[in-house]
Amino acid sequence: MSRVVSTLVSPFARIAWTGGAVTVLLVAFMLSGAPPIAMLLLSYLGPLAAVLWILDDAREQRRTPCYDFGYFMMITYPFSLVWYCVSTRGWRGWLLVLAIMALVYVPYLIATVAWAFLSIALR
């Protein structure tokens, strides 16, 4: 039982859960005609989840080089993700970068397609 629970709340799974929540909220906001600021605020959740994964992974591997490591990772987000994954895992880090980028940015593609289909179906 504890293995299942630890898998559901693992740092990498949190990125997937965040992506799912962002997808649902984006579709709901698009259909309800919410102001664009709401969707802009949602755009920070995926990168924030990825940075939190980096911080958890760095703490687990004892590789936190500076005190403001999280702030530095958030400010330089796409580059820091590539740097961290490749520097800690070698060439396999590129696969991890692609997986995390997919988990962060595919919700926007899914939400856009769902919004297009639902807006056509509701006319």
PDB file of N, CA and C in Angstrom:
ATOM      1  N   MET A   1       0.813  -1.193   0.000  1.00  0.00           N
ATOM      2  CA  MET A   1       0.000   0.000   0.000  1.00  0.00           C
ATOM      3  C   MET A   1       0.856   1.255   0.000  1.00  0.00           C
ATOM      4  N   SER A   2       1.914   1.275   0.794  1.00  0.00           N
ATOM      5  CA  SER A   2       2.741   2.475   0.857  1.00  0.00           C
ATOM      6  C   SER A   2       3.511   2.695  -0.443  1.00  0.00           C
ATOM      7  N   ARG A   3       3.810   1.621  -1.175  1.00  0.00           N
ATOM      8  CA  ARG A   3       4.505   1.775  -2.452  1.00  0.00           C
ATOM      9  C   ARG A   3       3.607   2.475  -3.467  1.00  0.00           C
ATOM     10  N   VAL A   4       2.315   2.137  -3.472  1.00  0.00           N
ATOM     11  CA  VAL A   4       1.371   2.787  -4.378  1.00  0.00           C
ATOM     12  C   VAL A   4       1.226   4.255  -4.025  1.00  0.00           C
ATOM     13  N   VAL A   5       1.101   4.543  -2.759  1.00  0.00           N
ATOM     14  CA  VAL A   5       0.957   5.939  -2.318  1.00  0.00           C
ATOM     15  C   VAL A   5       2.215   6.726  -2.626  1.00  0.00           C
ATOM     16  N   SER A   6       3.381   6.151  -2.397  1.00  0.00           N
ATOM     17  CA  SER A   6       4.613   6.879  -2.686  1.00  0.00           C
ATOM     18  C   SER A   6       4.785   7.095  -4.182  1.00  0.00           C
ATOM     19  N   THR A   7       4.272   6.194  -5.021  1.00  0.00           N
ATOM     20  CA  THR A   7       4.335   6.387  -6.461  1.00  0.00           C
ATOM     21  C   THR A   7       3.407   7.502  -6.899  1.00  0.00           C
ATOM     22  N   LEU A   8       2.238   7.602  -6.269  1.00  0.00           N
ATOM     23  CA  LEU A   8       1.282   8.640  -6.647  1.00  0.00           C
ATOM     24  C   LEU A   8       1.743  10.033  -6.247  1.00  0.00           C
ATOM     25  N   VAL A   9       2.564  10.134  -5.230  1.00  0.00           N
ATOM     26  CA  VAL A   9       3.023  11.447  -4.787  1.00  0.00           C
ATOM     27  C   VAL A   9       4.511  11.645  -5.041  1.00  0.00           C
ATOM     28  N   SER A  10       5.104  10.836  -5.879  1.00  0.00           N
ATOM     29  CA  SER A  10       6.516  11.014  -6.193  1.00  0.00           C
ATOM     30  C   SER A  10       6.699  12.335  -6.935  1.00  0.00           C
ATOM     31  N   PRO A  11       7.871  12.924  -6.869  1.00  0.00           N
ATOM     32  CA  PRO A  11       8.088  14.219  -7.525  1.00  0.00           C
ATOM     33  C   PRO A  11       7.808  14.200  -9.028  1.00  0.00           C
ATOM     34  N   PHE A  12       8.150  13.102  -9.697  1.00  0.00           N
ATOM     35  CA  PHE A  12       7.901  13.041 -11.133  1.00  0.00           C
ATOM     36  C   PHE A  12       6.409  12.904 -11.412  1.00  0.00           C
ATOM     37  N   ALA A  13       5.693  12.173 -10.553  1.00  0.00           N
ATOM     38  CA  ALA A  13       4.243  12.033 -10.727  1.00  0.00           C
ATOM     39  C   ALA A  13       3.533  13.356 -10.483  1.00  0.00           C
ATOM     40  N   ARG A  14       4.106  14.196  -9.634  1.00  0.00           N
ATOM     41  CA  ARG A  14       3.499  15.509  -9.392  1.00  0.00           C
ATOM     42  C   ARG A  14       3.471  16.353 -10.657  1.00  0.00           C
ATOM     43  N   ILE A  15       4.466  16.194 -11.515  1.00  0.00           N
ATOM     44  CA  ILE A  15       4.462  16.925 -12.786  1.00  0.00           C
ATOM     45  C   ILE A  15       3.292  16.450 -13.638  1.00  0.00           C
ATOM     46  N   ALA A  16       3.061  15.147 -13.661  1.00  0.00           N
ATOM     47  CA  ALA A  16       1.945  14.596 -14.439  1.00  0.00           C
ATOM     48  C   ALA A  16       0.600  15.031 -13.859  1.00  0.00           C
ATOM     49  N   TRP A  17       0.466  15.003 -12.532  1.00  0.00           N
ATOM     50  CA  TRP A  17      -0.782  15.450 -11.907  1.00  0.00           C
ATOM     51  C   TRP A  17      -1.026  16.937 -12.188  1.00  0.00           C
ATOM     52  N   THR A  18       0.019  17.724 -12.157  1.00  0.00           N
ATOM     53  CA  THR A  18      -0.111  19.149 -12.447  1.00  0.00           C
ATOM     54  C   THR A  18      -0.532  19.356 -13.895  1.00  0.00           C
ATOM     55  N   GLY A  19       0.053  18.583 -14.799  1.00  0.00           N
ATOM     56  CA  GLY A  19      -0.325  18.680 -16.209  1.00  0.00           C
ATOM     57  C   GLY A  19      -1.787  18.332 -16.433  1.00  0.00           C
ATOM     58  N   GLY A  20      -2.268  17.311 -15.754  1.00  0.00           N
ATOM     59  CA  GLY A  20      -3.683  16.943 -15.868  1.00  0.00           C
ATOM     60  C   GLY A  20      -4.595  18.026 -15.326  1.00  0.00           C
ATOM     61  N   ALA A  21      -4.236  18.594 -14.190  1.00  0.00           N
ATOM     62  CA  ALA A  21      -5.043  19.665 -13.600  1.00  0.00           C
ATOM     63  C   ALA A  21      -5.039  20.908 -14.481  1.00  0.00           C
ATOM     64  N   VAL A  22      -3.888  21.233 -15.043  1.00  0.00           N
ATOM     65  CA  VAL A  22      -3.802  22.399 -15.930  1.00  0.00           C
ATOM     66  C   VAL A  22      -4.653  22.177 -17.172  1.00  0.00           C
ATOM     67  N   THR A  23      -4.666  20.974 -17.707  1.00  0.00           N
ATOM     68  CA  THR A  23      -5.488  20.673 -18.878  1.00  0.00           C
ATOM     69  C   THR A  23      -6.956  20.906 -18.579  1.00  0.00           C
ATOM     70  N   VAL A  24      -7.437  20.342 -17.474  1.00  0.00           N
ATOM     71  CA  VAL A  24      -8.849  20.483 -17.113  1.00  0.00           C
ATOM     72  C   VAL A  24      -9.204  21.952 -16.871  1.00  0.00           C
ATOM     73  N   LEU A  25      -8.360  22.661 -16.141  1.00  0.00           N
ATOM     74  CA  LEU A  25      -8.642  24.065 -15.847  1.00  0.00           C
ATOM     75  C   LEU A  25      -8.584  24.944 -17.101  1.00  0.00           C
ATOM     76  N   LEU A  26      -7.641  24.660 -17.986  1.00  0.00           N
ATOM     77  CA  LEU A  26      -7.562  25.449 -19.221  1.00  0.00           C
ATOM     78  C   LEU A  26      -8.804  25.266 -20.075  1.00  0.00           C
ATOM     79  N   VAL A  27      -9.268  24.027 -20.217  1.00  0.00           N
ATOM     80  CA  VAL A  27     -10.484  23.786 -21.000  1.00  0.00           C
ATOM     81  C   VAL A  27     -11.671  24.486 -20.348  1.00  0.00           C
ATOM     82  N   ALA A  28     -11.775  24.388 -19.029  1.00  0.00           N
ATOM     83  CA  ALA A  28     -12.886  25.038 -18.327  1.00  0.00           C
ATOM     84  C   ALA A  28     -12.814  26.556 -18.478  1.00  0.00           C
ATOM     85  N   PHE A  29     -11.623  27.121 -18.358  1.00  0.00           N
ATOM     86  CA  PHE A  29     -11.486  28.571 -18.496  1.00  0.00           C
ATOM     87  C   PHE A  29     -11.779  29.027 -19.916  1.00  0.00           C
ATOM     88  N   MET A  30     -11.323  28.256 -20.895  1.00  0.00           N
ATOM     89  CA  MET A  30     -11.569  28.640 -22.284  1.00  0.00           C
ATOM     90  C   MET A  30     -13.062  28.585 -22.612  1.00  0.00           C
ATOM     91  N   LEU A  31     -13.740  27.558 -22.140  1.00  0.00           N
ATOM     92  CA  LEU A  31     -15.164  27.436 -22.426  1.00  0.00           C
ATOM     93  C   LEU A  31     -16.003  28.461 -21.677  1.00  0.00           C
ATOM     94  N   SER A  32     -15.581  28.835 -20.492  1.00  0.00           N
ATOM     95  CA  SER A  32     -16.370  29.786 -19.712  1.00  0.00           C
ATOM     96  C   SER A  32     -16.089  31.230 -20.108  1.00  0.00           C
ATOM     97  N   GLY A  33     -15.072  31.446 -20.902  1.00  0.00           N
ATOM     98  CA  GLY A  33     -14.732  32.802 -21.314  1.00  0.00           C
ATOM     99  C   GLY A  33     -14.024  33.576 -20.214  1.00  0.00           C
ATOM    100  N   ALA A  34     -13.238  32.883 -19.435  1.00  0.00           N
ATOM    101  CA  ALA A  34     -12.500  33.521 -18.345  1.00  0.00           C
ATOM    102  C   ALA A  34     -11.503  34.528 -18.919  1.00  0.00           C
ATOM    103  N   PRO A  35     -11.141  35.519 -18.133  1.00  0.00           N
ATOM    104  CA  PRO A  35     -10.168  36.500 -18.635  1.00  0.00           C
ATOM    105  C   PRO A  35      -8.815  35.847 -18.895  1.00  0.00           C
ATOM    106  N   PRO A  36      -8.078  36.380 -19.838  1.00  0.00           N
ATOM    107  CA  PRO A  36      -6.778  35.790 -20.184  1.00  0.00           C
ATOM    108  C   PRO A  36      -5.788  35.745 -19.025  1.00  0.00           C
ATOM    109  N   ILE A  37      -5.968  36.598 -18.019  1.00  0.00           N
ATOM    110  CA  ILE A  37      -5.036  36.585 -16.886  1.00  0.00           C
ATOM    111  C   ILE A  37      -5.104  35.253 -16.148  1.00  0.00           C
ATOM    112  N   ALA A  38      -6.272  34.627 -16.113  1.00  0.00           N
ATOM    113  CA  ALA A  38      -6.406  33.326 -15.449  1.00  0.00           C
ATOM    114  C   ALA A  38      -5.572  32.276 -16.180  1.00  0.00           C
ATOM    115  N   MET A  39      -5.612  32.307 -17.498  1.00  0.00           N
ATOM    116  CA  MET A  39      -4.832  31.350 -18.277  1.00  0.00           C
ATOM    117  C   MET A  39      -3.342  31.664 -18.201  1.00  0.00           C
ATOM    118  N   LEU A  40      -3.017  32.938 -18.066  1.00  0.00           N
ATOM    119  CA  LEU A  40      -1.612  33.325 -17.908  1.00  0.00           C
ATOM    120  C   LEU A  40      -1.060  32.789 -16.584  1.00  0.00           C
ATOM    121  N   LEU A  41      -1.840  32.888 -15.530  1.00  0.00           N
ATOM    122  CA  LEU A  41      -1.397  32.369 -14.235  1.00  0.00           C
ATOM    123  C   LEU A  41      -1.237  30.852 -14.277  1.00  0.00           C
ATOM    124  N   LEU A  42      -2.093  30.165 -15.030  1.00  0.00           N
ATOM    125  CA  LEU A  42      -1.963  28.708 -15.154  1.00  0.00           C
ATOM    126  C   LEU A  42      -0.693  28.317 -15.897  1.00  0.00           C
ATOM    127  N   SER A  43      -0.181  29.195 -16.727  1.00  0.00           N
ATOM    128  CA  SER A  43       1.008  28.849 -17.505  1.00  0.00           C
ATOM    129  C   SER A  43       2.252  28.706 -16.642  1.00  0.00           C
ATOM    130  N   TYR A  44       2.206  29.184 -15.408  1.00  0.00           N
ATOM    131  CA  TYR A  44       3.354  29.058 -14.511  1.00  0.00           C
ATOM    132  C   TYR A  44       3.358  27.757 -13.721  1.00  0.00           C
ATOM    133  N   LEU A  45       2.254  27.034 -13.709  1.00  0.00           N
ATOM    134  CA  LEU A  45       2.179  25.824 -12.888  1.00  0.00           C
ATOM    135  C   LEU A  45       3.055  24.685 -13.418  1.00  0.00           C
ATOM    136  N   GLY A  46       3.099  24.490 -14.724  1.00  0.00           N
ATOM    137  CA  GLY A  46       3.932  23.427 -15.296  1.00  0.00           C
ATOM    138  C   GLY A  46       5.415  23.637 -15.034  1.00  0.00           C
ATOM    139  N   PRO A  47       5.952  24.815 -15.387  1.00  0.00           N
ATOM    140  CA  PRO A  47       7.356  25.064 -15.069  1.00  0.00           C
ATOM    141  C   PRO A  47       7.649  25.014 -13.575  1.00  0.00           C
ATOM    142  N   LEU A  48       6.722  25.468 -12.751  1.00  0.00           N
ATOM    143  CA  LEU A  48       6.929  25.409 -11.305  1.00  0.00           C
ATOM    144  C   LEU A  48       7.019  23.958 -10.835  1.00  0.00           C
ATOM    145  N   ALA A  49       6.169  23.092 -11.377  1.00  0.00           N
ATOM    146  CA  ALA A  49       6.236  21.672 -11.015  1.00  0.00           C
ATOM    147  C   ALA A  49       7.560  21.055 -11.463  1.00  0.00           C
ATOM    148  N   ALA A  50       8.047  21.449 -12.640  1.00  0.00           N
ATOM    149  CA  ALA A  50       9.324  20.922 -13.121  1.00  0.00           C
ATOM    150  C   ALA A  50      10.476  21.403 -12.242  1.00  0.00           C
ATOM    151  N   VAL A  51      10.448  22.658 -11.831  1.00  0.00           N
ATOM    152  CA  VAL A  51      11.500  23.184 -10.961  1.00  0.00           C
ATOM    153  C   VAL A  51      11.444  22.510  -9.592  1.00  0.00           C
ATOM    154  N   LEU A  52      10.250  22.269  -9.082  1.00  0.00           N
ATOM    155  CA  LEU A  52      10.134  21.562  -7.804  1.00  0.00           C
ATOM    156  C   LEU A  52      10.658  20.137  -7.920  1.00  0.00           C
ATOM    157  N   TRP A  53      10.473  19.522  -9.093  1.00  0.00           N
ATOM    158  CA  TRP A  53      11.054  18.190  -9.306  1.00  0.00           C
ATOM    159  C   TRP A  53      12.578  18.276  -9.276  1.00  0.00           C
ATOM    160  N   ILE A  54      13.143  19.294  -9.932  1.00  0.00           N
ATOM    161  CA  ILE A  54      14.596  19.469  -9.933  1.00  0.00           C
ATOM    162  C   ILE A  54      15.107  19.620  -8.500  1.00  0.00           C
ATOM    163  N   LEU A  55      14.419  20.434  -7.704  1.00  0.00           N
ATOM    164  CA  LEU A  55      14.845  20.647  -6.321  1.00  0.00           C
ATOM    165  C   LEU A  55      14.766  19.366  -5.501  1.00  0.00           C
ATOM    166  N   ASP A  56      13.689  18.594  -5.663  1.00  0.00           N
ATOM    167  CA  ASP A  56      13.578  17.325  -4.937  1.00  0.00           C
ATOM    168  C   ASP A  56      14.652  16.339  -5.368  1.00  0.00           C
ATOM    169  N   ASP A  57      14.896  16.275  -6.676  1.00  0.00           N
ATOM    170  CA  ASP A  57      15.903  15.350  -7.183  1.00  0.00           C
ATOM    171  C   ASP A  57      17.299  15.772  -6.735  1.00  0.00           C
ATOM    172  N   ALA A  58      17.581  17.069  -6.753  1.00  0.00           N
ATOM    173  CA  ALA A  58      18.903  17.553  -6.319  1.00  0.00           C
ATOM    174  C   ALA A  58      19.107  17.307  -4.828  1.00  0.00           C
ATOM    175  N   ARG A  59      18.062  17.481  -4.054  1.00  0.00           N
ATOM    176  CA  ARG A  59      18.168  17.232  -2.615  1.00  0.00           C
ATOM    177  C   ARG A  59      18.380  15.743  -2.353  1.00  0.00           C
ATOM    178  N   GLU A  60      17.699  14.906  -3.121  1.00  0.00           N
ATOM    179  CA  GLU A  60      17.846  13.461  -2.963  1.00  0.00           C
ATOM    180  C   GLU A  60      19.254  13.000  -3.333  1.00  0.00           C
ATOM    181  N   GLN A  61      19.836  13.598  -4.366  1.00  0.00           N
ATOM    182  CA  GLN A  61      21.185  13.224  -4.800  1.00  0.00           C
ATOM    183  C   GLN A  61      22.268  14.054  -4.120  1.00  0.00           C
ATOM    184  N   ARG A  62      21.867  14.955  -3.245  1.00  0.00           N
ATOM    185  CA  ARG A  62      22.791  15.849  -2.530  1.00  0.00           C
ATOM    186  C   ARG A  62      23.646  16.666  -3.492  1.00  0.00           C
ATOM    187  N   ARG A  63      22.960  17.317  -4.443  1.00  0.00           N
ATOM    188  CA  ARG A  63      23.640  18.121  -5.456  1.00  0.00           C
ATOM    189  C   ARG A  63      23.097  19.541  -5.504  1.00  0.00           C
ATOM    190  N   THR A  64      22.831  20.154  -4.375  1.00  0.00           N
ATOM    191  CA  THR A  64      22.367  21.544  -4.379  1.00  0.00           C
ATOM    192  C   THR A  64      23.580  22.458  -4.257  1.00  0.00           C
ATOM    193  N   PRO A  65      23.981  23.096  -5.351  1.00  0.00           N
ATOM    194  CA  PRO A  65      25.227  23.859  -5.345  1.00  0.00           C
ATOM    195  C   PRO A  65      25.169  25.196  -4.616  1.00  0.00           C
ATOM    196  N   CYS A  66      23.996  25.802  -4.460  1.00  0.00           N
ATOM    197  CA  CYS A  66      23.930  27.107  -3.820  1.00  0.00           C
ATOM    198  C   CYS A  66      22.637  27.243  -3.030  1.00  0.00           C
ATOM    199  N   TYR A  67      22.598  28.251  -2.214  1.00  0.00           N
ATOM    200  CA  TYR A  67      21.456  28.473  -1.337  1.00  0.00           C
ATOM    201  C   TYR A  67      20.196  28.801  -2.134  1.00  0.00           C
ATOM    202  N   ASP A  68      20.304  29.650  -3.142  1.00  0.00           N
ATOM    203  CA  ASP A  68      19.161  30.057  -3.960  1.00  0.00           C
ATOM    204  C   ASP A  68      19.038  29.212  -5.217  1.00  0.00           C
ATOM    205  N   PHE A  69      19.253  27.934  -5.086  1.00  0.00           N
ATOM    206  CA  PHE A  69      19.216  27.027  -6.237  1.00  0.00           C
ATOM    207  C   PHE A  69      17.838  27.022  -6.894  1.00  0.00           C
ATOM    208  N   GLY A  70      16.781  26.996  -6.112  1.00  0.00           N
ATOM    209  CA  GLY A  70      15.423  26.986  -6.661  1.00  0.00           C
ATOM    210  C   GLY A  70      15.096  28.258  -7.416  1.00  0.00           C
ATOM    211  N   TYR A  71      15.487  29.386  -6.872  1.00  0.00           N
ATOM    212  CA  TYR A  71      15.264  30.664  -7.543  1.00  0.00           C
ATOM    213  C   TYR A  71      16.021  30.710  -8.868  1.00  0.00           C
ATOM    214  N   PHE A  72      17.255  30.270  -8.848  1.00  0.00           N
ATOM    215  CA  PHE A  72      18.062  30.237 -10.068  1.00  0.00           C
ATOM    216  C   PHE A  72      17.433  29.313 -11.116  1.00  0.00           C
ATOM    217  N   MET A  73      16.930  28.169 -10.675  1.00  0.00           N
ATOM    218  CA  MET A  73      16.294  27.228 -11.598  1.00  0.00           C
ATOM    219  C   MET A  73      15.029  27.828 -12.204  1.00  0.00           C
ATOM    220  N   MET A  74      14.259  28.550 -11.417  1.00  0.00           N
ATOM    221  CA  MET A  74      13.009  29.123 -11.924  1.00  0.00           C
ATOM    222  C   MET A  74      13.266  30.262 -12.901  1.00  0.00           C
ATOM    223  N   ILE A  75      14.266  31.078 -12.615  1.00  0.00           N
ATOM    224  CA  ILE A  75      14.560  32.212 -13.500  1.00  0.00           C
ATOM    225  C   ILE A  75      15.091  31.734 -14.852  1.00  0.00           C
ATOM    226  N   THR A  76      15.901  30.700 -14.844  1.00  0.00           N
ATOM    227  CA  THR A  76      16.505  30.196 -16.087  1.00  0.00           C
ATOM    228  C   THR A  76      15.834  28.890 -16.523  1.00  0.00           C
ATOM    229  N   TYR A  77      14.518  28.776 -16.346  1.00  0.00           N
ATOM    230  CA  TYR A  77      13.798  27.516 -16.426  1.00  0.00           C
ATOM    231  C   TYR A  77      14.116  26.606 -17.624  1.00  0.00           C
ATOM    232  N   PRO A  78      13.869  26.945 -18.839  1.00  0.00           N
ATOM    233  CA  PRO A  78      14.063  25.882 -19.843  1.00  0.00           C
ATOM    234  C   PRO A  78      15.524  25.443 -19.940  1.00  0.00           C
ATOM    235  N   PHE A  79      16.442  26.396 -19.784  1.00  0.00           N
ATOM    236  CA  PHE A  79      17.858  26.062 -19.877  1.00  0.00           C
ATOM    237  C   PHE A  79      18.334  25.269 -18.660  1.00  0.00           C
ATOM    238  N   SER A  80      17.797  25.620 -17.501  1.00  0.00           N
ATOM    239  CA  SER A  80      18.209  24.921 -16.285  1.00  0.00           C
ATOM    240  C   SER A  80      17.722  23.486 -16.267  1.00  0.00           C
ATOM    241  N   LEU A  81      16.565  23.231 -16.847  1.00  0.00           N
ATOM    242  CA  LEU A  81      16.060  21.854 -16.922  1.00  0.00           C
ATOM    243  C   LEU A  81      16.993  20.998 -17.778  1.00  0.00           C
ATOM    244  N   VAL A  82      17.375  21.527 -18.929  1.00  0.00           N
ATOM    245  CA  VAL A  82      18.290  20.792 -19.808  1.00  0.00           C
ATOM    246  C   VAL A  82      19.639  20.601 -19.123  1.00  0.00           C
ATOM    247  N   TRP A  83      20.158  21.663 -18.526  1.00  0.00           N
ATOM    248  CA  TRP A  83      21.457  21.573 -17.857  1.00  0.00           C
ATOM    249  C   TRP A  83      21.428  20.546 -16.742  1.00  0.00           C
ATOM    250  N   TYR A  84      20.415  20.595 -15.892  1.00  0.00           N
ATOM    251  CA  TYR A  84      20.373  19.692 -14.739  1.00  0.00           C
ATOM    252  C   TYR A  84      20.231  18.235 -15.180  1.00  0.00           C
ATOM    253  N   CYS A  85      19.318  17.972 -16.101  1.00  0.00           N
ATOM    254  CA  CYS A  85      19.097  16.581 -16.522  1.00  0.00           C
ATOM    255  C   CYS A  85      20.323  15.993 -17.222  1.00  0.00           C
ATOM    256  N   VAL A  86      20.943  16.775 -18.088  1.00  0.00           N
ATOM    257  CA  VAL A  86      22.108  16.270 -18.817  1.00  0.00           C
ATOM    258  C   VAL A  86      23.322  16.156 -17.898  1.00  0.00           C
ATOM    259  N   SER A  87      23.492  17.088 -16.976  1.00  0.00           N
ATOM    260  CA  SER A  87      24.664  17.024 -16.102  1.00  0.00           C
ATOM    261  C   SER A  87      24.550  15.910 -15.062  1.00  0.00           C
ATOM    262  N   THR A  88      23.350  15.528 -14.679  1.00  0.00           N
ATOM    263  CA  THR A  88      23.209  14.477 -13.668  1.00  0.00           C
ATOM    264  C   THR A  88      23.038  13.089 -14.262  1.00  0.00           C
ATOM    265  N   ARG A  89      22.547  13.004 -15.496  1.00  0.00           N
ATOM    266  CA  ARG A  89      22.251  11.687 -16.068  1.00  0.00           C
ATOM    267  C   ARG A  89      22.960  11.398 -17.385  1.00  0.00           C
ATOM    268  N   GLY A  90      23.760  12.307 -17.859  1.00  0.00           N
ATOM    269  CA  GLY A  90      24.476  12.079 -19.109  1.00  0.00           C
ATOM    270  C   GLY A  90      23.544  12.151 -20.308  1.00  0.00           C
ATOM    271  N   TRP A  91      23.799  11.325 -21.307  1.00  0.00           N
ATOM    272  CA  TRP A  91      22.985  11.375 -22.520  1.00  0.00           C
ATOM    273  C   TRP A  91      21.555  10.931 -22.261  1.00  0.00           C
ATOM    274  N   ARG A  92      21.302  10.118 -21.236  1.00  0.00           N
ATOM    275  CA  ARG A  92      19.932   9.716 -20.910  1.00  0.00           C
ATOM    276  C   ARG A  92      19.121  10.892 -20.383  1.00  0.00           C
ATOM    277  N   GLY A  93      19.801  11.944 -19.981  1.00  0.00           N
ATOM    278  CA  GLY A  93      19.117  13.143 -19.518  1.00  0.00           C
ATOM    279  C   GLY A  93      18.281  13.794 -20.597  1.00  0.00           C
ATOM    280  N   TRP A  94      18.689  13.624 -21.861  1.00  0.00           N
ATOM    281  CA  TRP A  94      17.902  14.180 -22.963  1.00  0.00           C
ATOM    282  C   TRP A  94      16.522  13.534 -23.039  1.00  0.00           C
ATOM    283  N   LEU A  95      16.450  12.244 -22.766  1.00  0.00           N
ATOM    284  CA  LEU A  95      15.140  11.576 -22.740  1.00  0.00           C
ATOM    285  C   LEU A  95      14.284  12.114 -21.602  1.00  0.00           C
ATOM    286  N   LEU A  96      14.914  12.368 -20.476  1.00  0.00           N
ATOM    287  CA  LEU A  96      14.202  12.936 -19.340  1.00  0.00           C
ATOM    288  C   LEU A  96      13.737  14.361 -19.638  1.00  0.00           C
ATOM    289  N   VAL A  97      14.554  15.137 -20.316  1.00  0.00           N
ATOM    290  CA  VAL A  97      14.154  16.491 -20.705  1.00  0.00           C
ATOM    291  C   VAL A  97      12.930  16.440 -21.609  1.00  0.00           C
ATOM    292  N   LEU A  98      12.953  15.549 -22.598  1.00  0.00           N
ATOM    293  CA  LEU A  98      11.809  15.425 -23.495  1.00  0.00           C
ATOM    294  C   LEU A  98      10.557  14.979 -22.751  1.00  0.00           C
ATOM    295  N   ALA A  99      10.704  14.059 -21.805  1.00  0.00           N
ATOM    296  CA  ALA A  99       9.551  13.593 -21.039  1.00  0.00           C
ATOM    297  C   ALA A  99       8.970  14.705 -20.180  1.00  0.00           C
ATOM    298  N   ILE A 100       9.814  15.455 -19.509  1.00  0.00           N
ATOM    299  CA  ILE A 100       9.326  16.538 -18.652  1.00  0.00           C
ATOM    300  C   ILE A 100       8.723  17.655 -19.490  1.00  0.00           C
ATOM    301  N   MET A 101       9.361  18.002 -20.591  1.00  0.00           N
ATOM    302  CA  MET A 101       8.798  19.042 -21.458  1.00  0.00           C
ATOM    303  C   MET A 101       7.432  18.616 -22.013  1.00  0.00           C
ATOM    304  N   ALA A 102       7.305  17.329 -22.336  1.00  0.00           N
ATOM    305  CA  ALA A 102       6.008  16.841 -22.807  1.00  0.00           C
ATOM    306  C   ALA A 102       4.959  16.941 -21.706  1.00  0.00           C
ATOM    307  N   LEU A 103       5.328  16.559 -20.484  1.00  0.00           N
ATOM    308  CA  LEU A 103       4.372  16.646 -19.378  1.00  0.00           C
ATOM    309  C   LEU A 103       3.994  18.093 -19.059  1.00  0.00           C
ATOM    310  N   VAL A 104       4.888  19.018 -19.324  1.00  0.00           N
ATOM    311  CA  VAL A 104       4.613  20.420 -19.017  1.00  0.00           C
ATOM    312  C   VAL A 104       3.819  21.096 -20.130  1.00  0.00           C
ATOM    313  N   TYR A 105       4.108  20.796 -21.398  1.00  0.00           N
ATOM    314  CA  TYR A 105       3.524  21.564 -22.489  1.00  0.00           C
ATOM    315  C   TYR A 105       2.439  20.859 -23.287  1.00  0.00           C
ATOM    316  N   VAL A 106       2.306  19.563 -23.189  1.00  0.00           N
ATOM    317  CA  VAL A 106       1.228  18.864 -23.902  1.00  0.00           C
ATOM    318  C   VAL A 106      -0.153  19.270 -23.389  1.00  0.00           C
ATOM    319  N   PRO A 107      -0.337  19.602 -22.112  1.00  0.00           N
ATOM    320  CA  PRO A 107      -1.666  20.055 -21.682  1.00  0.00           C
ATOM    321  C   PRO A 107      -2.196  21.249 -22.466  1.00  0.00           C
ATOM    322  N   TYR A 108      -1.343  22.133 -22.916  1.00  0.00           N
ATOM    323  CA  TYR A 108      -1.805  23.277 -23.698  1.00  0.00           C
ATOM    324  C   TYR A 108      -2.294  22.834 -25.072  1.00  0.00           C
ATOM    325  N   LEU A 109      -1.622  21.866 -25.670  1.00  0.00           N
ATOM    326  CA  LEU A 109      -2.068  21.325 -26.945  1.00  0.00           C
ATOM    327  C   LEU A 109      -3.404  20.598 -26.780  1.00  0.00           C
ATOM    328  N   ILE A 110      -3.513  19.783 -25.750  1.00  0.00           N
ATOM    329  CA  ILE A 110      -4.760  19.054 -25.498  1.00  0.00           C
ATOM    330  C   ILE A 110      -5.894  20.020 -25.209  1.00  0.00           C
ATOM    331  N   ALA A 111      -5.645  21.033 -24.403  1.00  0.00           N
ATOM    332  CA  ALA A 111      -6.692  22.005 -24.076  1.00  0.00           C
ATOM    333  C   ALA A 111      -7.133  22.785 -25.310  1.00  0.00           C
ATOM    334  N   THR A 112      -6.205  23.118 -26.180  1.00  0.00           N
ATOM    335  CA  THR A 112      -6.566  23.855 -27.395  1.00  0.00           C
ATOM    336  C   THR A 112      -7.413  23.002 -28.317  1.00  0.00           C
ATOM    337  N   VAL A 113      -7.040  21.741 -28.503  1.00  0.00           N
ATOM    338  CA  VAL A 113      -7.821  20.836 -29.348  1.00  0.00           C
ATOM    339  C   VAL A 113      -9.196  20.589 -28.738  1.00  0.00           C
ATOM    340  N   ALA A 114      -9.251  20.373 -27.423  1.00  0.00           N
ATOM    341  CA  ALA A 114     -10.539  20.149 -26.753  1.00  0.00           C
ATOM    342  C   ALA A 114     -11.421  21.382 -26.854  1.00  0.00           C
ATOM    343  N   TRP A 115     -10.835  22.557 -26.685  1.00  0.00           N
ATOM    344  CA  TRP A 115     -11.598  23.785 -26.797  1.00  0.00           C
ATOM    345  C   TRP A 115     -12.153  23.954 -28.212  1.00  0.00           C
ATOM    346  N   ALA A 116     -11.334  23.631 -29.214  1.00  0.00           N
ATOM    347  CA  ALA A 116     -11.801  23.765 -30.603  1.00  0.00           C
ATOM    348  C   ALA A 116     -12.964  22.812 -30.872  1.00  0.00           C
ATOM    349  N   PHE A 117     -12.837  21.558 -30.443  1.00  0.00           N
ATOM    350  CA  PHE A 117     -13.915  20.610 -30.670  1.00  0.00           C
ATOM    351  C   PHE A 117     -15.172  20.974 -29.878  1.00  0.00           C
ATOM    352  N   LEU A 118     -14.993  21.379 -28.626  1.00  0.00           N
ATOM    353  CA  LEU A 118     -16.160  21.718 -27.814  1.00  0.00           C
ATOM    354  C   LEU A 118     -16.827  23.010 -28.266  1.00  0.00           C
ATOM    355  N   SER A 119     -16.057  23.964 -28.734  1.00  0.00           N
ATOM    356  CA  SER A 119     -16.676  25.202 -29.215  1.00  0.00           C
ATOM    357  C   SER A 119     -17.450  24.967 -30.504  1.00  0.00           C
ATOM    358  N   ILE A 120     -16.986  24.030 -31.340  1.00  0.00           N
ATOM    359  CA  ILE A 120     -17.729  23.685 -32.556  1.00  0.00           C
ATOM    360  C   ILE A 120     -18.978  22.877 -32.192  1.00  0.00           C
ATOM    361  N   ALA A 121     -18.843  21.972 -31.232  1.00  0.00           N
ATOM    362  CA  ALA A 121     -19.973  21.121 -30.850  1.00  0.00           C
ATOM    363  C   ALA A 121     -21.057  21.902 -30.120  1.00  0.00           C
ATOM    364  N   LEU A 122     -20.702  22.951 -29.412  1.00  0.00           N
ATOM    365  CA  LEU A 122     -21.685  23.713 -28.643  1.00  0.00           C
ATOM    366  C   LEU A 122     -22.365  24.814 -29.451  1.00  0.00           C
ATOM    367  N   ARG A 123     -22.018  24.982 -30.704  1.00  0.00           N
ATOM    368  CA  ARG A 123     -22.654  26.023 -31.543  1.00  0.00           C
ATOM    369  C   ARG A 123     -23.979  25.584 -32.041  1.00  0.00           C
TER     370      ARG A 123
END
